[in-house]
Amino acid sequence: MHQILKDLRKDCLRLSHRCQDGNLQSAFSCMEIVWVLYDKVMNWAPDRAMDPDRDLFLISKGQATFALYPVLKQKKFFTDADFSDIGDLHSRFSNQTDVTKFRGGVENSAGSLGHGFPMAVGMAWANKIQHFSGRVYVLTGDGEFNEGTMWEACILAAGKRLDNLCVIIDDNSSVGELIDMGDLGMKLDSFGFQVFHVDGHNLTELERTLRIRPEEGVPVAVIAHTERGHGSKTLMENSVWFHKSPNKDELEMLFKEIDSL
């Protein structure tokens, strides 16, 4: 694993430990996706975080918020000192993003699943109307597609020909434990999306796929096949970490696991 991804995962653990909250399996499964977007793909920089022509990134699977904060810190938008009060009542930083507490950097408030993707569709449509050049990227979970709002958003995205929209599905096999959704790619294709499959932990594949420009008038869906807790043997194998924060001893143990992989 690249050192930068190890450092990002360690920062994710530190944030979870400080606020005693977090969905670490979900954050770890999508860390490569978020990093590649900000490091290689998106037209975004800290000094252009309010530029109307910037690319936008929304987290629809809000439980993965702790994958975003470390990336923004690595890009010098935040410092470690900014997180000193994370989890406190009046802190800007919590386990789910709150756009009202930021000026740039965080593009949406997260929480109930099924909301971020429709918001991204609205933003992409607004960018089209205003002739802004930025693309809109939104990260969802596979289980999130149980929500009817997701499919309603698909209909609107295709109907409005939003070729400036890319939905990335962190397919870490969550939904399969609840219900057989069938072939998600075929469903998205039938709704009018250009669909790509990618190894969600392969930086080269992610960059190549996320840089693809779609056919005119066609929104893009990238299904990223991932592992929950990827990067830590304990997080990958023990489902208790779906929603659990590490204590001091666990933190050191998980650091060592990350270093060893």
C-alpha atoms as a PDB file:
ATOM      1  CA  MET A   1       0.000   0.000   0.000  1.00  0.00           C
ATOM      2  CA  HIS A   2       1.288   3.486  -0.834  1.00  0.00           C
ATOM      3  CA  GLN A   3       2.608   5.394   2.185  1.00  0.00           C
ATOM      4  CA  ILE A   4       0.210   8.264   1.579  1.00  0.00           C
ATOM      5  CA  LEU A   5      -2.768   5.905   1.895  1.00  0.00           C
ATOM      6  CA  LYS A   6      -1.353   4.515   5.131  1.00  0.00           C
ATOM      7  CA  ASP A   7      -0.988   8.057   6.488  1.00  0.00           C
ATOM      8  CA  LEU A   8      -4.544   8.929   5.492  1.00  0.00           C
ATOM      9  CA  ARG A   9      -5.919   5.851   7.223  1.00  0.00           C
ATOM     10  CA  LYS A  10      -3.939   6.666  10.369  1.00  0.00           C
ATOM     11  CA  ASP A  11      -5.391  10.183  10.356  1.00  0.00           C
ATOM     12  CA  CYS A  12      -8.845   8.664   9.985  1.00  0.00           C
ATOM     13  CA  LEU A  13      -8.195   6.523  13.062  1.00  0.00           C
ATOM     14  CA  ARG A  14      -6.913   9.521  15.035  1.00  0.00           C
ATOM     15  CA  LEU A  15     -10.062  11.488  14.266  1.00  0.00           C
ATOM     16  CA  SER A  16     -12.249   8.578  15.297  1.00  0.00           C
ATOM     17  CA  HIS A  17     -10.276   8.108  18.509  1.00  0.00           C
ATOM     18  CA  ARG A  18     -10.484  11.804  19.413  1.00  0.00           C
ATOM     19  CA  CYS A  19     -14.248  12.054  19.051  1.00  0.00           C
ATOM     20  CA  GLN A  20     -15.034   8.459  20.027  1.00  0.00           C
ATOM     21  CA  ASP A  21     -17.205   7.960  16.971  1.00  0.00           C
ATOM     22  CA  GLY A  22     -16.836   6.791  13.422  1.00  0.00           C
ATOM     23  CA  ASN A  23     -17.702   4.218  10.779  1.00  0.00           C
ATOM     24  CA  LEU A  24     -14.168   3.081  10.070  1.00  0.00           C
ATOM     25  CA  GLN A  25     -14.935   0.166   7.765  1.00  0.00           C
ATOM     26  CA  SER A  26     -16.854   2.489   5.462  1.00  0.00           C
ATOM     27  CA  ALA A  27     -14.190   5.212   5.509  1.00  0.00           C
ATOM     28  CA  PHE A  28     -11.371   2.744   4.846  1.00  0.00           C
ATOM     29  CA  SER A  29     -13.165   1.132   1.904  1.00  0.00           C
ATOM     30  CA  CYS A  30     -13.324   4.398  -0.058  1.00  0.00           C
ATOM     31  CA  MET A  31     -10.064   6.103   0.946  1.00  0.00           C
ATOM     32  CA  GLU A  32      -8.375   5.464  -2.419  1.00  0.00           C
ATOM     33  CA  ILE A  33     -11.386   6.856  -4.269  1.00  0.00           C
ATOM     34  CA  VAL A  34     -11.400  10.149  -2.367  1.00  0.00           C
ATOM     35  CA  TRP A  35      -7.618  10.526  -2.584  1.00  0.00           C
ATOM     36  CA  VAL A  36      -7.443   9.956  -6.345  1.00  0.00           C
ATOM     37  CA  LEU A  37     -10.244  12.451  -6.951  1.00  0.00           C
ATOM     38  CA  TYR A  38      -8.486  15.239  -5.066  1.00  0.00           C
ATOM     39  CA  ASP A  39      -4.925  14.350  -6.026  1.00  0.00           C
ATOM     40  CA  LYS A  40      -5.267  13.374  -9.679  1.00  0.00           C
ATOM     41  CA  VAL A  41      -8.679  14.082 -11.138  1.00  0.00           C
ATOM     42  CA  MET A  42     -10.634  17.059  -9.849  1.00  0.00           C
ATOM     43  CA  ASN A  43     -10.151  20.677 -10.859  1.00  0.00           C
ATOM     44  CA  TRP A  44      -9.918  21.830  -7.247  1.00  0.00           C
ATOM     45  CA  ALA A  45      -7.378  23.506  -4.977  1.00  0.00           C
ATOM     46  CA  PRO A  46      -7.586  25.055  -1.492  1.00  0.00           C
ATOM     47  CA  ASP A  47      -7.277  28.593  -2.874  1.00  0.00           C
ATOM     48  CA  ARG A  48     -10.097  27.901  -5.343  1.00  0.00           C
ATOM     49  CA  ALA A  49     -12.494  26.245  -2.918  1.00  0.00           C
ATOM     50  CA  MET A  50     -15.205  28.820  -3.702  1.00  0.00           C
ATOM     51  CA  ASP A  51     -14.529  29.149  -7.449  1.00  0.00           C
ATOM     52  CA  PRO A  52     -17.850  28.592  -9.274  1.00  0.00           C
ATOM     53  CA  ASP A  53     -16.000  26.664 -12.002  1.00  0.00           C
ATOM     54  CA  ARG A  54     -14.379  24.219  -9.575  1.00  0.00           C
ATOM     55  CA  ASP A  55     -15.214  20.554  -9.596  1.00  0.00           C
ATOM     56  CA  LEU A  56     -17.499  19.530  -6.735  1.00  0.00           C
ATOM     57  CA  PHE A  57     -17.259  16.460  -4.521  1.00  0.00           C
ATOM     58  CA  LEU A  58     -20.203  15.367  -2.394  1.00  0.00           C
ATOM     59  CA  ILE A  59     -20.336  12.538   0.126  1.00  0.00           C
ATOM     60  CA  SER A  60     -23.715  10.877  -0.093  1.00  0.00           C
ATOM     61  CA  LYS A  61     -22.621   7.942   2.100  1.00  0.00           C
ATOM     62  CA  GLY A  62     -22.084  10.287   5.007  1.00  0.00           C
ATOM     63  CA  GLN A  63     -20.718   7.560   7.266  1.00  0.00           C
ATOM     64  CA  ALA A  64     -17.495   7.872   5.217  1.00  0.00           C
ATOM     65  CA  THR A  65     -16.903  11.492   6.227  1.00  0.00           C
ATOM     66  CA  PHE A  66     -13.691  10.494   8.014  1.00  0.00           C
ATOM     67  CA  ALA A  67     -12.248   9.601   4.610  1.00  0.00           C
ATOM     68  CA  LEU A  68     -12.713  13.195   3.427  1.00  0.00           C
ATOM     69  CA  TYR A  69     -11.208  15.161   6.321  1.00  0.00           C
ATOM     70  CA  PRO A  70      -7.739  13.518   6.134  1.00  0.00           C
ATOM     71  CA  VAL A  71      -7.573  14.105   2.384  1.00  0.00           C
ATOM     72  CA  LEU A  72      -8.428  17.791   2.791  1.00  0.00           C
ATOM     73  CA  LYS A  73      -5.783  18.009   5.512  1.00  0.00           C
ATOM     74  CA  GLN A  74      -3.217  16.382   3.201  1.00  0.00           C
ATOM     75  CA  LYS A  75      -4.104  19.008   0.581  1.00  0.00           C
ATOM     76  CA  LYS A  76      -3.426  21.776   3.154  1.00  0.00           C
ATOM     77  CA  PHE A  77      -7.045  22.883   3.397  1.00  0.00           C
ATOM     78  CA  PHE A  78      -7.109  21.892   7.083  1.00  0.00           C
ATOM     79  CA  THR A  79      -4.373  21.504   9.663  1.00  0.00           C
ATOM     80  CA  ASP A  80      -4.170  19.009  12.490  1.00  0.00           C
ATOM     81  CA  ALA A  81      -4.901  21.844  14.919  1.00  0.00           C
ATOM     82  CA  ASP A  82      -8.265  22.419  13.214  1.00  0.00           C
ATOM     83  CA  PHE A  83      -9.406  19.029  14.491  1.00  0.00           C
ATOM     84  CA  SER A  84      -8.526  19.663  18.138  1.00  0.00           C
ATOM     85  CA  ASP A  85     -12.193  19.941  19.171  1.00  0.00           C
ATOM     86  CA  ILE A  86     -13.616  17.316  16.813  1.00  0.00           C
ATOM     87  CA  GLY A  87     -16.778  15.782  18.209  1.00  0.00           C
ATOM     88  CA  ASP A  88     -17.387  18.581  20.711  1.00  0.00           C
ATOM     89  CA  LEU A  89     -20.856  20.125  20.738  1.00  0.00           C
ATOM     90  CA  HIS A  90     -19.866  23.310  18.905  1.00  0.00           C
ATOM     91  CA  SER A  91     -17.101  21.871  16.709  1.00  0.00           C
ATOM     92  CA  ARG A  92     -17.284  22.209  12.937  1.00  0.00           C
ATOM     93  CA  PHE A  93     -16.146  18.606  12.673  1.00  0.00           C
ATOM     94  CA  SER A  94     -18.348  15.605  13.361  1.00  0.00           C
ATOM     95  CA  ASN A  95     -18.899  12.126  11.986  1.00  0.00           C
ATOM     96  CA  GLN A  96     -21.171  13.574   9.286  1.00  0.00           C
ATOM     97  CA  THR A  97     -20.376  16.682   7.243  1.00  0.00           C
ATOM     98  CA  ASP A  98     -22.312  19.887   7.967  1.00  0.00           C
ATOM     99  CA  VAL A  99     -21.934  22.369   5.101  1.00  0.00           C
ATOM    100  CA  THR A 100     -23.241  25.252   7.219  1.00  0.00           C
ATOM    101  CA  LYS A 101     -20.053  25.168   9.322  1.00  0.00           C
ATOM    102  CA  PHE A 102     -17.600  25.591   6.435  1.00  0.00           C
ATOM    103  CA  ARG A 103     -16.753  28.057   3.728  1.00  0.00           C
ATOM    104  CA  GLY A 104     -15.502  25.789   0.979  1.00  0.00           C
ATOM    105  CA  GLY A 105     -13.995  22.339   1.201  1.00  0.00           C
ATOM    106  CA  VAL A 106     -17.206  20.650   2.332  1.00  0.00           C
ATOM    107  CA  GLU A 107     -19.938  20.791  -0.295  1.00  0.00           C
ATOM    108  CA  ASN A 108     -22.917  19.105   1.368  1.00  0.00           C
ATOM    109  CA  SER A 109     -24.432  18.103   4.669  1.00  0.00           C
ATOM    110  CA  ALA A 110     -24.590  14.349   5.136  1.00  0.00           C
ATOM    111  CA  GLY A 111     -26.762  12.183   7.310  1.00  0.00           C
ATOM    112  CA  SER A 112     -29.699  10.108   6.139  1.00  0.00           C
ATOM    113  CA  LEU A 113     -28.755   7.993   3.141  1.00  0.00           C
ATOM    114  CA  GLY A 114     -30.262   8.753  -0.229  1.00  0.00           C
ATOM    115  CA  HIS A 115     -29.941  12.549  -0.035  1.00  0.00           C
ATOM    116  CA  GLY A 116     -26.453  13.378  -1.290  1.00  0.00           C
ATOM    117  CA  PHE A 117     -26.880  11.908  -4.757  1.00  0.00           C
ATOM    118  CA  PRO A 118     -30.080  13.855  -5.500  1.00  0.00           C
ATOM    119  CA  MET A 119     -28.297  16.997  -4.272  1.00  0.00           C
ATOM    120  CA  ALA A 120     -25.420  16.275  -6.657  1.00  0.00           C
ATOM    121  CA  VAL A 121     -27.867  15.898  -9.532  1.00  0.00           C
ATOM    122  CA  GLY A 122     -29.361  19.293  -8.679  1.00  0.00           C
ATOM    123  CA  MET A 123     -25.897  20.885  -8.529  1.00  0.00           C
ATOM    124  CA  ALA A 124     -24.898  19.370 -11.859  1.00  0.00           C
ATOM    125  CA  TRP A 125     -28.107  20.662 -13.447  1.00  0.00           C
ATOM    126  CA  ALA A 126     -27.500  24.119 -11.939  1.00  0.00           C
ATOM    127  CA  ASN A 127     -23.950  24.113 -13.348  1.00  0.00           C
ATOM    128  CA  LYS A 128     -25.378  23.305 -16.780  1.00  0.00           C
ATOM    129  CA  ILE A 129     -27.903  26.127 -16.570  1.00  0.00           C
ATOM    130  CA  GLN A 130     -25.239  28.627 -15.472  1.00  0.00           C
ATOM    131  CA  HIS A 131     -22.649  27.322 -17.959  1.00  0.00           C
ATOM    132  CA  PHE A 132     -20.113  26.533 -15.249  1.00  0.00           C
ATOM    133  CA  SER A 133     -17.380  24.188 -16.415  1.00  0.00           C
ATOM    134  CA  GLY A 134     -16.964  22.125 -13.224  1.00  0.00           C
ATOM    135  CA  ARG A 135     -17.909  18.469 -12.979  1.00  0.00           C
ATOM    136  CA  VAL A 136     -19.835  17.062 -10.032  1.00  0.00           C
ATOM    137  CA  TYR A 137     -18.568  13.886  -8.377  1.00  0.00           C
ATOM    138  CA  VAL A 138     -20.638  12.144  -5.718  1.00  0.00           C
ATOM    139  CA  LEU A 139     -19.683   9.132  -3.608  1.00  0.00           C
ATOM    140  CA  THR A 140     -22.473   6.738  -2.655  1.00  0.00           C
ATOM    141  CA  GLY A 141     -22.631   3.295  -1.095  1.00  0.00           C
ATOM    142  CA  ASP A 142     -24.026   0.190  -2.729  1.00  0.00           C
ATOM    143  CA  GLY A 143     -26.551  -0.199   0.080  1.00  0.00           C
ATOM    144  CA  GLU A 144     -27.719   3.356  -0.516  1.00  0.00           C
ATOM    145  CA  PHE A 145     -29.368   2.228  -3.726  1.00  0.00           C
ATOM    146  CA  ASN A 146     -32.095   0.663  -1.612  1.00  0.00           C
ATOM    147  CA  GLU A 147     -33.428   4.225  -1.309  1.00  0.00           C
ATOM    148  CA  GLY A 148     -36.043   5.254  -3.848  1.00  0.00           C
ATOM    149  CA  THR A 149     -34.621   8.776  -4.029  1.00  0.00           C
ATOM    150  CA  MET A 150     -31.498   7.335  -5.670  1.00  0.00           C
ATOM    151  CA  TRP A 151     -33.439   5.977  -8.627  1.00  0.00           C
ATOM    152  CA  GLU A 152     -35.550   9.116  -8.929  1.00  0.00           C
ATOM    153  CA  ALA A 153     -32.283  11.057  -9.121  1.00  0.00           C
ATOM    154  CA  CYS A 154     -31.051   8.672 -11.844  1.00  0.00           C
ATOM    155  CA  ILE A 155     -34.130   9.404 -13.936  1.00  0.00           C
ATOM    156  CA  LEU A 156     -33.600  13.168 -13.612  1.00  0.00           C
ATOM    157  CA  ALA A 157     -29.864  12.961 -14.336  1.00  0.00           C
ATOM    158  CA  ALA A 158     -30.415  11.032 -17.546  1.00  0.00           C
ATOM    159  CA  GLY A 159     -33.457  13.093 -18.544  1.00  0.00           C
ATOM    160  CA  LYS A 160     -31.514  16.361 -18.177  1.00  0.00           C
ATOM    161  CA  ARG A 161     -28.502  14.877 -20.012  1.00  0.00           C
ATOM    162  CA  LEU A 162     -26.096  15.646 -17.176  1.00  0.00           C
ATOM    163  CA  ASP A 163     -22.803  14.609 -18.734  1.00  0.00           C
ATOM    164  CA  ASN A 164     -21.070  16.744 -16.069  1.00  0.00           C
ATOM    165  CA  LEU A 165     -22.143  14.271 -13.368  1.00  0.00           C
ATOM    166  CA  CYS A 166     -20.224  11.238 -12.117  1.00  0.00           C
ATOM    167  CA  VAL A 167     -21.658   9.014  -9.396  1.00  0.00           C
ATOM    168  CA  ILE A 168     -19.119   6.691  -7.773  1.00  0.00           C
ATOM    169  CA  ILE A 169     -20.589   3.692  -5.991  1.00  0.00           C
ATOM    170  CA  ASP A 170     -18.409   2.296  -3.206  1.00  0.00           C
ATOM    171  CA  ASP A 171     -19.506  -1.291  -3.723  1.00  0.00           C
ATOM    172  CA  ASN A 172     -18.140  -2.952  -0.589  1.00  0.00           C
ATOM    173  CA  SER A 173     -20.781  -5.714  -0.669  1.00  0.00           C
ATOM    174  CA  SER A 174     -22.938  -4.171   2.043  1.00  0.00           C
ATOM    175  CA  VAL A 175     -26.260  -4.472   0.290  1.00  0.00           C
ATOM    176  CA  GLY A 176     -25.801  -8.150  -0.549  1.00  0.00           C
ATOM    177  CA  GLU A 177     -26.140  -9.080   3.106  1.00  0.00           C
ATOM    178  CA  LEU A 178     -29.654  -7.616   3.132  1.00  0.00           C
ATOM    179  CA  ILE A 179     -31.174  -8.089  -0.302  1.00  0.00           C
ATOM    180  CA  ASP A 180     -30.139  -9.333  -3.731  1.00  0.00           C
ATOM    181  CA  MET A 181     -30.088  -6.182  -5.851  1.00  0.00           C
ATOM    182  CA  GLY A 182     -29.168  -8.075  -9.000  1.00  0.00           C
ATOM    183  CA  ASP A 183     -26.771  -6.460 -11.447  1.00  0.00           C
ATOM    184  CA  LEU A 184     -26.402  -2.834 -10.331  1.00  0.00           C
ATOM    185  CA  GLY A 185     -24.431  -1.923 -13.444  1.00  0.00           C
ATOM    186  CA  MET A 186     -27.162  -3.208 -15.761  1.00  0.00           C
ATOM    187  CA  LYS A 187     -29.763  -1.275 -13.771  1.00  0.00           C
ATOM    188  CA  LEU A 188     -27.802   1.974 -14.034  1.00  0.00           C
ATOM    189  CA  ASP A 189     -27.241   1.351 -17.740  1.00  0.00           C
ATOM    190  CA  SER A 190     -30.979   0.899 -18.239  1.00  0.00           C
ATOM    191  CA  PHE A 191     -31.542   4.226 -16.477  1.00  0.00           C
ATOM    192  CA  GLY A 192     -29.323   5.963 -19.052  1.00  0.00           C
ATOM    193  CA  PHE A 193     -25.880   6.003 -17.411  1.00  0.00           C
ATOM    194  CA  GLN A 194     -22.559   5.128 -18.983  1.00  0.00           C
ATOM    195  CA  VAL A 195     -21.281   2.507 -16.552  1.00  0.00           C
ATOM    196  CA  PHE A 196     -17.712   1.535 -15.678  1.00  0.00           C
ATOM    197  CA  HIS A 197     -16.412  -1.071 -13.231  1.00  0.00           C
ATOM    198  CA  VAL A 198     -13.128  -0.550 -11.427  1.00  0.00           C
ATOM    199  CA  ASP A 199     -11.022  -1.970  -8.597  1.00  0.00           C
ATOM    200  CA  GLY A 200     -11.692   0.663  -5.944  1.00  0.00           C
ATOM    201  CA  HIS A 201      -8.291   0.158  -4.308  1.00  0.00           C
ATOM    202  CA  ASN A 202      -6.215   0.393  -7.492  1.00  0.00           C
ATOM    203  CA  LEU A 203      -4.997   3.971  -7.873  1.00  0.00           C
ATOM    204  CA  THR A 204      -4.093   3.599 -11.542  1.00  0.00           C
ATOM    205  CA  GLU A 205      -7.441   2.087 -12.513  1.00  0.00           C
ATOM    206  CA  LEU A 206      -9.313   4.714 -10.523  1.00  0.00           C
ATOM    207  CA  GLU A 207      -7.464   7.619 -12.112  1.00  0.00           C
ATOM    208  CA  ARG A 208      -7.846   6.258 -15.634  1.00  0.00           C
ATOM    209  CA  THR A 209     -11.561   5.591 -15.212  1.00  0.00           C
ATOM    210  CA  LEU A 210     -12.438   8.810 -13.396  1.00  0.00           C
ATOM    211  CA  ARG A 211     -10.693  10.848 -16.103  1.00  0.00           C
ATOM    212  CA  ILE A 212     -12.878   9.390 -18.857  1.00  0.00           C
ATOM    213  CA  ARG A 213     -15.192  11.934 -20.393  1.00  0.00           C
ATOM    214  CA  PRO A 214     -18.602  10.478 -21.230  1.00  0.00           C
ATOM    215  CA  GLU A 215     -20.617  10.487 -24.374  1.00  0.00           C
ATOM    216  CA  GLU A 216     -22.379  13.813 -24.894  1.00  0.00           C
ATOM    217  CA  GLY A 217     -25.474  14.098 -22.732  1.00  0.00           C
ATOM    218  CA  VAL A 218     -24.791  10.905 -20.758  1.00  0.00           C
ATOM    219  CA  PRO A 219     -24.096  10.839 -16.987  1.00  0.00           C
ATOM    220  CA  VAL A 220     -21.413   8.474 -15.697  1.00  0.00           C
ATOM    221  CA  ALA A 221     -21.598   5.786 -13.016  1.00  0.00           C
ATOM    222  CA  VAL A 222     -18.386   4.207 -11.722  1.00  0.00           C
ATOM    223  CA  ILE A 223     -18.907   1.050  -9.678  1.00  0.00           C
ATOM    224  CA  ALA A 224     -15.820   0.727  -7.487  1.00  0.00           C
ATOM    225  CA  HIS A 225     -15.430  -2.770  -6.059  1.00  0.00           C
ATOM    226  CA  THR A 226     -13.926  -2.455  -2.587  1.00  0.00           C
ATOM    227  CA  GLU A 227     -13.449  -4.199   0.765  1.00  0.00           C
ATOM    228  CA  ARG A 228     -14.898  -2.886   3.993  1.00  0.00           C
ATOM    229  CA  GLY A 229     -12.035  -1.919   6.293  1.00  0.00           C
ATOM    230  CA  HIS A 230      -9.427  -2.274   3.536  1.00  0.00           C
ATOM    231  CA  GLY A 231      -5.956  -1.593   4.905  1.00  0.00           C
ATOM    232  CA  SER A 232      -6.423  -3.203   8.301  1.00  0.00           C
ATOM    233  CA  LYS A 233      -6.779  -6.939   8.909  1.00  0.00           C
ATOM    234  CA  THR A 234      -8.847  -6.326  12.036  1.00  0.00           C
ATOM    235  CA  LEU A 235     -11.253  -3.921  10.340  1.00  0.00           C
ATOM    236  CA  MET A 236     -11.655  -6.243   7.353  1.00  0.00           C
ATOM    237  CA  GLU A 237     -12.419  -9.311   9.449  1.00  0.00           C
ATOM    238  CA  ASN A 238     -14.396  -8.058  12.462  1.00  0.00           C
ATOM    239  CA  SER A 239     -17.804  -6.543  11.748  1.00  0.00           C
ATOM    240  CA  VAL A 240     -17.920  -4.842  15.166  1.00  0.00           C
ATOM    241  CA  TRP A 241     -15.850  -2.083  13.526  1.00  0.00           C
ATOM    242  CA  PHE A 242     -18.749  -1.086  11.306  1.00  0.00           C
ATOM    243  CA  HIS A 243     -19.467   1.548  13.984  1.00  0.00           C
ATOM    244  CA  LYS A 244     -16.780   1.602  16.632  1.00  0.00           C
ATOM    245  CA  SER A 245     -13.941   3.943  17.554  1.00  0.00           C
ATOM    246  CA  PRO A 246     -10.574   2.713  18.841  1.00  0.00           C
ATOM    247  CA  ASN A 247      -9.362   3.200  22.381  1.00  0.00           C
ATOM    248  CA  LYS A 248      -5.693   4.058  22.952  1.00  0.00           C
ATOM    249  CA  ASP A 249      -4.457   0.464  22.857  1.00  0.00           C
ATOM    250  CA  GLU A 250      -6.548  -0.383  19.804  1.00  0.00           C
ATOM    251  CA  LEU A 251      -5.277   2.731  18.069  1.00  0.00           C
ATOM    252  CA  GLU A 252      -1.657   1.612  18.388  1.00  0.00           C
ATOM    253  CA  MET A 253      -2.559  -1.915  17.303  1.00  0.00           C
ATOM    254  CA  LEU A 254      -4.353  -0.650  14.194  1.00  0.00           C
ATOM    255  CA  PHE A 255      -1.445   1.662  13.332  1.00  0.00           C
ATOM    256  CA  LYS A 256       0.867  -1.355  13.329  1.00  0.00           C
ATOM    257  CA  GLU A 257      -1.535  -3.317  11.122  1.00  0.00           C
ATOM    258  CA  ILE A 258      -1.656  -0.511   8.599  1.00  0.00           C
ATOM    259  CA  ASP A 259       2.148  -0.283   8.522  1.00  0.00           C
ATOM    260  CA  SER A 260       2.460  -4.025   7.970  1.00  0.00           C
ATOM    261  CA  LEU A 261       0.160  -4.215   4.939  1.00  0.00           C
END
